[in-house]
């Protein structure tokens, strides 16, 4: 497997315009059908609930607790399936919300942790496959595909090639917004099946840990608010970093133009 991957990677570097054999349109048709099926399932489940929509306004906590676990887990998985690089919505807060003792998606600690981790990992894996197919589509542009011929990419690809599956798992476990590993895996043309498996295992571990901490210590909405606040801080930091890089780049360009100007 590693030998075939290396050969494939070398071929992609030499001829980055070669077909990738990934059917992007088919994937998004499948994803669209999944969303439709999930919407129908949610509608059927909600129609059988004992509460009315006005109950959410006056008794939010109680109505949420009385809602079927299937609705919570399905809605949870759908939300996470939308959280990708191109729609960077926070995920930790909703994992904690579904894992609270008040949500009661499982009969005990272990069933709650396993169901939250499995449903969350499934949703996030679909979102990461959306990234994979969108990056693949972008890389079909010959000019963009030339990134495979740069020294920076070659160095990153050699690092990735040492343990691609393990790196995918690790980068999906660490709770920071890092998209570079998915971009690198797609550019490297890493196969989709191990890509999906690595994403699922990593997210299962991450969400299992969040569910464990939230449920075991009965943190309730404290965990939800704390993780949502952390997501806002991290997003703000990323945005500030982008702005600072643009300012520094602009200043360096202006300084270079002034230095080159005749005196």
Protein backbone atom coordinates (compact mmCIF):
# COMPACT_ATOMS: atom_id res chain seq x y z
CA UNK A 1 0.00 0.00 0.00
CA UNK A 2 2.71 2.51 0.99
CA UNK A 3 4.67 1.73 -2.19
CA UNK A 4 1.62 2.30 -4.41
CA UNK A 5 0.81 5.52 -2.57
CA UNK A 6 4.35 6.79 -3.05
CA UNK A 7 4.29 6.00 -6.77
CA UNK A 8 0.94 7.70 -7.13
CA UNK A 9 2.21 10.74 -5.27
CA UNK A 10 5.34 11.01 -7.43
CA UNK A 11 3.20 10.80 -10.55
CA UNK A 12 0.98 13.58 -9.22
CA UNK A 13 4.04 15.79 -8.73
CA UNK A 14 5.40 15.15 -12.22
CA UNK A 15 2.01 15.53 -13.92
CA UNK A 16 -0.33 17.39 -11.54
CA UNK A 17 -3.01 17.71 -14.23
CA UNK A 18 -3.66 13.93 -14.36
CA UNK A 19 -7.24 12.77 -13.57
CA UNK A 20 -7.84 11.98 -9.91
CA UNK A 21 -10.65 9.40 -10.43
CA UNK A 22 -12.77 11.12 -7.77
CA UNK A 23 -16.42 11.65 -8.75
CA UNK A 24 -17.13 14.92 -6.98
CA UNK A 25 -20.64 15.32 -8.40
CA UNK A 26 -21.65 11.82 -7.31
CA UNK A 27 -20.48 12.47 -3.76
CA UNK A 28 -22.49 15.68 -3.38
CA UNK A 29 -25.56 14.01 -4.88
CA UNK A 30 -25.17 11.31 -2.22
CA UNK A 31 -24.69 13.96 0.50
CA UNK A 32 -27.78 15.81 -0.70
CA UNK A 33 -29.82 12.60 -0.47
CA UNK A 34 -28.47 12.05 3.06
CA UNK A 35 -29.65 15.51 4.11
CA UNK A 36 -33.09 14.93 2.59
CA UNK A 37 -33.39 11.57 4.35
CA UNK A 38 -32.29 13.14 7.64
CA UNK A 39 -34.80 15.99 7.24
CA UNK A 40 -37.63 13.52 6.57
CA UNK A 41 -36.55 11.41 9.54
CA UNK A 42 -36.47 14.44 11.83
CA UNK A 43 -39.89 15.57 10.64
CA UNK A 44 -41.39 12.14 11.34
CA UNK A 45 -39.78 11.92 14.76
CA UNK A 46 -40.78 15.47 15.76
CA UNK A 47 -44.39 14.85 14.69
CA UNK A 48 -44.58 12.12 17.34
CA UNK A 49 -43.34 14.28 20.22
CA UNK A 50 -45.73 15.23 23.05
CA UNK A 51 -44.65 18.88 23.08
CA UNK A 52 -45.60 21.84 20.87
CA UNK A 53 -43.27 24.46 19.45
CA UNK A 54 -44.56 27.07 21.91
CA UNK A 55 -43.25 24.89 24.76
CA UNK A 56 -39.69 25.72 23.67
CA UNK A 57 -40.32 29.40 24.43
CA UNK A 58 -41.63 28.93 27.96
CA UNK A 59 -39.94 25.72 29.11
CA UNK A 60 -36.80 25.30 27.01
CA UNK A 61 -34.80 23.08 29.38
CA UNK A 62 -37.72 20.80 30.18
CA UNK A 63 -38.77 20.46 26.55
CA UNK A 64 -35.22 19.66 25.50
CA UNK A 65 -34.97 16.97 28.19
CA UNK A 66 -38.31 15.47 27.06
CA UNK A 67 -37.29 15.34 23.40
CA UNK A 68 -36.52 11.92 21.93
CA UNK A 69 -32.81 10.96 22.04
CA UNK A 70 -33.07 9.98 18.37
CA UNK A 71 -33.97 13.58 17.45
CA UNK A 72 -31.06 14.96 19.45
CA UNK A 73 -28.52 12.54 17.97
CA UNK A 74 -29.77 12.89 14.39
CA UNK A 75 -29.86 16.69 14.55
CA UNK A 76 -26.43 16.63 16.18
CA UNK A 77 -24.97 14.48 13.38
CA UNK A 78 -26.53 16.67 10.66
CA UNK A 79 -25.10 19.83 12.23
CA UNK A 80 -21.62 18.33 12.40
CA UNK A 81 -21.87 17.14 8.78
CA UNK A 82 -22.10 20.82 7.79
CA UNK A 83 -19.05 21.92 9.83
CA UNK A 84 -16.21 21.88 7.31
CA UNK A 85 -13.38 24.17 6.19
CA UNK A 86 -15.76 26.07 3.92
CA UNK A 87 -18.38 26.43 6.69
CA UNK A 88 -16.25 26.65 9.86
CA UNK A 89 -18.92 26.42 12.56
CA UNK A 90 -17.87 25.41 16.12
CA UNK A 91 -18.40 21.78 17.14
CA UNK A 92 -17.28 21.28 20.75
CA UNK A 93 -20.20 23.13 22.30
CA UNK A 94 -22.87 20.95 20.70
CA UNK A 95 -20.96 17.76 21.60
CA UNK A 96 -21.04 18.87 25.23
CA UNK A 97 -24.71 19.87 24.94
CA UNK A 98 -25.79 16.45 23.69
CA UNK A 99 -23.59 14.72 26.28
CA UNK A 100 -25.09 16.48 29.32
CA UNK A 101 -27.03 14.44 31.84
CA UNK A 102 -29.98 16.74 31.15
CA UNK A 103 -30.01 15.71 27.47
CA UNK A 104 -30.25 12.05 28.52
CA UNK A 105 -29.45 10.58 25.11
CA UNK A 106 -28.29 7.37 26.81
CA UNK A 107 -29.48 5.35 29.78
CA UNK A 108 -26.15 5.69 31.59
CA UNK A 109 -22.65 7.10 31.36
CA UNK A 110 -21.24 4.53 28.92
CA UNK A 111 -24.15 4.51 26.48
CA UNK A 112 -24.19 8.31 26.43
CA UNK A 113 -20.48 8.56 25.74
CA UNK A 114 -20.52 5.90 23.01
CA UNK A 115 -23.61 7.25 21.21
CA UNK A 116 -22.41 10.85 21.29
CA UNK A 117 -18.93 9.86 20.09
CA UNK A 118 -20.29 7.62 17.29
CA UNK A 119 -22.95 10.05 16.02
CA UNK A 120 -20.53 12.98 16.20
CA UNK A 121 -17.71 11.09 14.48
CA UNK A 122 -20.07 10.01 11.68
CA UNK A 123 -21.24 13.59 11.10
CA UNK A 124 -17.73 15.06 11.17
CA UNK A 125 -16.40 12.35 8.85
CA UNK A 126 -19.03 13.31 6.28
CA UNK A 127 -18.05 16.97 6.68
CA UNK A 128 -14.37 16.10 6.19
CA UNK A 129 -15.26 14.10 3.08
CA UNK A 130 -17.00 17.23 1.82
CA UNK A 131 -13.68 19.02 2.30
CA UNK A 132 -11.87 16.20 0.49
CA UNK A 133 -14.12 16.46 -2.56
CA UNK A 134 -14.14 20.27 -2.62
CA UNK A 135 -10.33 20.40 -2.38
CA UNK A 136 -10.13 17.78 -5.14
CA UNK A 137 -12.36 19.89 -7.36
CA UNK A 138 -10.23 23.01 -6.67
CA UNK A 139 -7.01 21.12 -7.43
CA UNK A 140 -8.30 20.24 -10.89
CA UNK A 141 -7.38 23.77 -11.88
CA UNK A 142 -3.95 23.40 -13.52
CA UNK A 143 -2.59 26.57 -11.97
CA UNK A 144 -3.63 25.56 -8.47
CA UNK A 145 -2.41 21.98 -9.01
CA UNK A 146 1.11 23.33 -9.52
CA UNK A 147 1.32 23.59 -5.72
CA UNK A 148 2.44 19.94 -5.90
CA UNK A 149 5.63 21.10 -7.61
CA UNK A 150 6.72 23.50 -4.86
CA UNK A 151 9.49 22.75 -2.37
CA UNK A 152 7.19 23.48 0.56
CA UNK A 153 4.64 20.94 -0.60
CA UNK A 154 7.31 18.34 -1.34
CA UNK A 155 8.66 18.67 2.21
CA UNK A 156 5.16 18.45 3.70
CA UNK A 157 4.30 15.46 1.50
CA UNK A 158 7.40 13.57 2.62
CA UNK A 159 6.44 14.23 6.24
CA UNK A 160 2.86 13.11 5.59
CA UNK A 161 3.98 9.97 3.73
CA UNK A 162 5.75 8.60 6.81
CA UNK A 163 2.48 7.87 8.65
CA UNK A 164 -0.53 9.34 6.81
CA UNK A 165 -3.21 7.38 8.67
CA UNK A 166 -1.73 8.09 12.10
CA UNK A 167 -1.40 11.80 11.31
CA UNK A 168 -5.04 11.96 10.23
CA UNK A 169 -6.10 10.35 13.50
CA UNK A 170 -3.93 12.65 15.62
CA UNK A 171 -4.99 15.85 13.89
CA UNK A 172 -8.64 14.89 14.33
CA UNK A 173 -8.13 14.29 18.05
CA UNK A 174 -6.43 17.58 18.94
CA UNK A 175 -9.11 20.20 19.75
CA UNK A 176 -7.78 23.04 17.61
CA UNK A 177 -9.09 24.25 14.24
CA UNK A 178 -6.41 22.70 12.00
CA UNK A 179 -7.47 22.08 8.38
CA UNK A 180 -4.01 21.70 6.88
CA UNK A 181 -3.90 17.91 7.30
CA UNK A 182 -7.09 17.48 5.24
CA UNK A 183 -5.74 19.80 2.56
CA UNK A 184 -2.46 17.89 2.53
CA UNK A 185 -4.19 14.49 2.37
CA UNK A 186 -6.28 15.64 -0.59
CA UNK A 187 -3.33 17.20 -2.41
CA UNK A 188 -1.39 13.99 -1.78
CA UNK A 189 -4.32 12.04 -3.25
CA UNK A 190 -4.60 9.87 -0.18
CA UNK A 191 -7.38 7.27 -0.76
CA UNK A 192 -10.81 8.15 0.55
CA UNK A 193 -11.48 4.97 2.55
CA UNK A 194 -8.47 5.28 4.93
CA UNK A 195 -9.03 9.06 4.92
CA UNK A 196 -12.58 8.55 6.20
CA UNK A 197 -11.46 5.87 8.69
CA UNK A 198 -8.72 8.10 10.12
CA UNK A 199 -11.15 10.98 10.49
CA UNK A 200 -13.78 8.79 12.16
CA UNK A 201 -11.37 7.27 14.70
CA UNK A 202 -9.85 10.64 15.59
CA UNK A 203 -13.20 12.38 16.03
CA UNK A 204 -14.61 9.42 17.95
CA UNK A 205 -11.79 9.80 20.48
CA UNK A 206 -12.13 13.60 20.66
CA UNK A 207 -15.90 13.60 21.11
CA UNK A 208 -15.70 10.66 23.50
CA UNK A 209 -13.37 12.65 25.76
CA UNK A 210 -15.68 15.71 25.68
CA UNK A 211 -18.69 13.51 26.44
CA UNK A 212 -16.82 11.76 29.26
CA UNK A 213 -15.81 15.01 30.96
CA UNK A 214 -19.22 16.64 30.50
CA UNK A 215 -21.30 13.71 31.73
CA UNK A 216 -19.03 12.25 34.41
CA UNK A 217 -18.56 15.56 36.24
CA UNK A 218 -22.10 16.70 35.44
CA UNK A 219 -20.87 20.00 34.02
CA UNK A 220 -24.12 20.65 32.18
CA UNK A 221 -24.34 23.97 30.38
CA UNK A 222 -21.04 25.12 31.90
CA UNK A 223 -19.20 22.88 29.42
CA UNK A 224 -21.38 24.13 26.54
CA UNK A 225 -20.71 27.81 27.29
CA UNK A 226 -17.00 27.24 27.97
CA UNK A 227 -16.44 25.37 24.68
CA UNK A 228 -18.46 27.91 22.72
CA UNK A 229 -16.42 30.74 24.24
CA UNK A 230 -13.19 28.87 23.40
CA UNK A 231 -14.35 28.47 19.79
CA UNK A 232 -15.04 32.21 19.56
CA UNK A 233 -11.60 33.04 20.97
CA UNK A 234 -9.84 30.66 18.57
CA UNK A 235 -11.83 31.97 15.61
CA UNK A 236 -10.99 35.53 16.62
CA UNK A 237 -7.33 34.61 16.89
CA UNK A 238 -7.34 33.08 13.41
CA UNK A 239 -9.05 36.15 11.99
CA UNK A 240 -6.61 38.49 13.72
CA UNK A 241 -3.70 36.42 12.43
CA UNK A 242 -4.96 36.71 8.85
CA UNK A 243 -5.38 40.49 9.21
CA UNK A 244 -1.90 40.91 10.72
CA UNK A 245 -0.33 38.83 7.93
CA UNK A 246 -2.03 41.00 5.33
CA UNK A 247 -0.84 44.19 7.05
CA UNK A 248 2.72 42.91 7.38
CA UNK A 249 2.75 41.74 3.76
CA UNK A 250 1.44 45.09 2.57
CA UNK A 251 3.98 47.01 4.67
CA UNK A 252 6.86 44.86 3.44
CA UNK A 253 5.78 45.38 -0.16
CA UNK A 254 5.56 49.14 0.36
CA UNK A 255 8.96 49.17 2.01
CA UNK A 256 10.43 47.22 -0.89
CA UNK A 257 8.92 49.63 -3.42
CA UNK A 258 10.33 52.62 -1.54
CA UNK A 259 13.77 51.03 -1.39
CA UNK A 260 13.70 50.36 -5.12
CA UNK A 261 12.50 53.86 -5.98
CA UNK A 262 15.14 56.16 -7.53
CA UNK A 263 16.49 58.88 -5.23
